[in-house]
């Protein structure tokens, strides 16, 4: 009985671990792609309201 529970728990924890690792990679990809998109002036002006309101480029 205990061995069956241990096997089921090990299987469950492996699936959860894989899902968490996948979510970490997805979040890292989204952050990096968002930062990359914000480096382009037209995209940044479209996405950021403060960029439109201030009317000032981020480049001094």
N, C-alpha and C. Protein backbone atom coordinates (compact mmCIF):
# COMPACT_ATOMS: atom_id res chain seq x y z
N UNK A 1 0.82 -1.20 0.00
CA UNK A 1 0.00 0.00 0.00
C UNK A 1 0.87 1.26 0.00
N UNK A 2 1.88 1.31 0.83
CA UNK A 2 2.75 2.49 0.90
C UNK A 2 3.58 2.61 -0.37
N UNK A 3 4.01 1.47 -0.92
CA UNK A 3 4.79 1.52 -2.15
C UNK A 3 3.96 2.07 -3.31
N UNK A 4 2.69 1.70 -3.36
CA UNK A 4 1.80 2.21 -4.41
C UNK A 4 1.65 3.73 -4.29
N UNK A 5 1.47 4.20 -3.07
CA UNK A 5 1.36 5.64 -2.86
C UNK A 5 2.65 6.35 -3.25
N UNK A 6 3.79 5.78 -2.89
CA UNK A 6 5.08 6.38 -3.23
C UNK A 6 5.27 6.47 -4.75
N UNK A 7 4.87 5.43 -5.46
CA UNK A 7 4.99 5.44 -6.92
C UNK A 7 4.07 6.48 -7.54
N UNK A 8 2.85 6.55 -7.04
CA UNK A 8 1.92 7.55 -7.57
C UNK A 8 2.41 8.96 -7.27
N UNK A 9 2.93 9.18 -6.08
CA UNK A 9 3.44 10.50 -5.71
C UNK A 9 4.66 10.86 -6.56
N UNK A 10 5.53 9.92 -6.80
CA UNK A 10 6.72 10.18 -7.63
C UNK A 10 6.31 10.53 -9.05
N UNK A 11 5.34 9.83 -9.60
CA UNK A 11 4.84 10.13 -10.94
C UNK A 11 4.21 11.52 -10.99
N UNK A 12 3.39 11.81 -9.99
CA UNK A 12 2.72 13.11 -9.92
C UNK A 12 3.74 14.24 -9.78
N UNK A 13 4.72 14.05 -8.91
CA UNK A 13 5.70 15.11 -8.68
C UNK A 13 6.59 15.34 -9.91
N UNK A 14 6.88 14.29 -10.67
CA UNK A 14 7.65 14.46 -11.91
C UNK A 14 6.87 15.30 -12.92
N UNK A 15 5.56 15.05 -13.03
CA UNK A 15 4.74 15.83 -13.95
C UNK A 15 4.67 17.29 -13.54
N UNK A 16 4.50 17.53 -12.24
CA UNK A 16 4.44 18.90 -11.74
C UNK A 16 5.78 19.60 -11.95
N UNK A 17 6.87 18.89 -11.72
CA UNK A 17 8.20 19.47 -11.92
C UNK A 17 8.43 19.85 -13.38
N UNK A 18 8.03 18.98 -14.30
CA UNK A 18 8.17 19.29 -15.72
C UNK A 18 7.32 20.49 -16.10
N UNK A 19 6.11 20.58 -15.57
CA UNK A 19 5.23 21.70 -15.87
C UNK A 19 5.82 23.00 -15.32
N UNK A 20 6.39 22.96 -14.13
CA UNK A 20 6.99 24.17 -13.56
C UNK A 20 8.21 24.63 -14.36
N UNK A 21 9.02 23.69 -14.81
CA UNK A 21 10.18 24.04 -15.63
C UNK A 21 9.72 24.65 -16.94
N UNK A 22 8.70 24.08 -17.55
CA UNK A 22 8.14 24.63 -18.78
C UNK A 22 7.60 26.04 -18.57
N UNK A 23 6.90 26.26 -17.47
CA UNK A 23 6.37 27.59 -17.18
C UNK A 23 7.49 28.61 -16.96
N UNK A 24 8.58 28.20 -16.33
CA UNK A 24 9.71 29.09 -16.14
C UNK A 24 10.29 29.50 -17.48
N UNK A 25 10.47 28.56 -18.39
CA UNK A 25 11.00 28.87 -19.71
C UNK A 25 10.05 29.76 -20.51
N UNK A 26 8.75 29.50 -20.40
CA UNK A 26 7.78 30.33 -21.10
C UNK A 26 7.80 31.76 -20.57
N UNK A 27 7.85 31.91 -19.25
CA UNK A 27 7.89 33.25 -18.66
C UNK A 27 9.17 33.98 -19.06
N UNK A 28 10.30 33.29 -19.05
CA UNK A 28 11.56 33.92 -19.44
C UNK A 28 11.50 34.35 -20.90
N UNK A 29 10.94 33.51 -21.75
CA UNK A 29 10.79 33.85 -23.17
C UNK A 29 9.90 35.07 -23.35
N UNK A 30 8.79 35.14 -22.61
CA UNK A 30 7.88 36.27 -22.74
C UNK A 30 8.53 37.57 -22.26
N UNK A 31 9.28 37.51 -21.18
CA UNK A 31 9.96 38.71 -20.68
C UNK A 31 11.00 39.18 -21.69
N UNK A 32 11.79 38.26 -22.21
CA UNK A 32 12.81 38.64 -23.18
C UNK A 32 12.21 39.17 -24.47
N UNK A 33 11.15 38.55 -24.95
CA UNK A 33 10.53 39.04 -26.18
C UNK A 33 9.85 40.39 -25.95
N UNK A 34 9.29 40.60 -24.78
CA UNK A 34 8.69 41.91 -24.47
C UNK A 34 9.74 43.00 -24.43
N UNK A 35 10.88 42.71 -23.81
CA UNK A 35 11.96 43.69 -23.78
C UNK A 35 12.50 43.96 -25.18
N UNK A 36 12.57 42.94 -25.99
CA UNK A 36 13.03 43.12 -27.36
C UNK A 36 12.05 44.00 -28.15
N UNK A 37 10.76 43.77 -27.97
CA UNK A 37 9.76 44.59 -28.66
C UNK A 37 9.83 46.05 -28.22
N UNK A 38 10.09 46.29 -26.94
CA UNK A 38 10.15 47.65 -26.45
C UNK A 38 11.39 48.40 -26.92
N UNK A 39 12.33 47.72 -27.52
CA UNK A 39 13.52 48.39 -28.02
C UNK A 39 13.28 49.06 -29.37
N UNK A 40 12.15 48.77 -30.02
CA UNK A 40 11.81 49.39 -31.30
C UNK A 40 10.88 50.57 -31.06
N UNK A 41 11.24 51.73 -31.60
CA UNK A 41 10.49 52.97 -31.35
C UNK A 41 9.01 52.89 -31.73
N UNK A 42 8.65 52.41 -32.92
CA UNK A 42 7.22 52.39 -33.27
C UNK A 42 6.40 51.47 -32.35
N UNK A 43 6.97 50.35 -32.00
CA UNK A 43 6.25 49.40 -31.13
C UNK A 43 6.11 49.99 -29.73
N UNK A 44 7.17 50.60 -29.23
CA UNK A 44 7.14 51.20 -27.90
C UNK A 44 6.11 52.33 -27.85
N UNK A 45 6.05 53.14 -28.90
CA UNK A 45 5.08 54.23 -28.94
C UNK A 45 3.65 53.69 -28.96
N UNK A 46 3.46 52.55 -29.60
CA UNK A 46 2.13 51.94 -29.66
C UNK A 46 1.75 51.30 -28.32
N UNK A 47 2.70 50.67 -27.65
CA UNK A 47 2.39 49.92 -26.42
C UNK A 47 2.36 50.77 -25.16
N UNK A 48 3.19 51.81 -25.09
CA UNK A 48 3.32 52.58 -23.86
C UNK A 48 2.57 53.90 -23.96
N UNK A 49 1.66 54.11 -23.05
CA UNK A 49 0.89 55.35 -23.05
C UNK A 49 1.76 56.53 -22.67
N UNK A 50 2.69 56.35 -21.76
CA UNK A 50 3.55 57.46 -21.34
C UNK A 50 4.41 57.96 -22.49
N UNK A 51 4.79 57.08 -23.37
CA UNK A 51 5.58 57.48 -24.54
C UNK A 51 4.77 58.43 -25.41
N UNK A 52 3.49 58.15 -25.57
CA UNK A 52 2.62 59.02 -26.38
C UNK A 52 2.35 60.33 -25.66
N UNK A 53 2.14 60.28 -24.34
CA UNK A 53 1.79 61.49 -23.60
C UNK A 53 2.95 62.45 -23.47
N UNK A 54 4.15 61.90 -23.25
CA UNK A 54 5.31 62.75 -23.08
C UNK A 54 5.82 63.29 -24.41
N UNK A 55 5.76 62.48 -25.43
CA UNK A 55 6.23 62.90 -26.74
C UNK A 55 7.72 63.07 -26.82
N UNK A 56 8.44 62.45 -25.88
CA UNK A 56 9.88 62.58 -25.83
C UNK A 56 10.51 61.22 -26.08
N UNK A 57 11.51 61.19 -26.93
CA UNK A 57 12.19 59.94 -27.19
C UNK A 57 13.01 59.53 -25.98
N UNK A 58 13.24 58.25 -25.82
CA UNK A 58 14.06 57.76 -24.70
C UNK A 58 15.53 57.99 -24.93
N UNK A 59 15.90 58.33 -26.15
CA UNK A 59 17.31 58.60 -26.47
C UNK A 59 17.60 60.07 -26.20
N UNK A 60 18.56 60.39 -25.34
CA UNK A 60 18.85 61.81 -25.01
C UNK A 60 19.48 62.55 -26.17
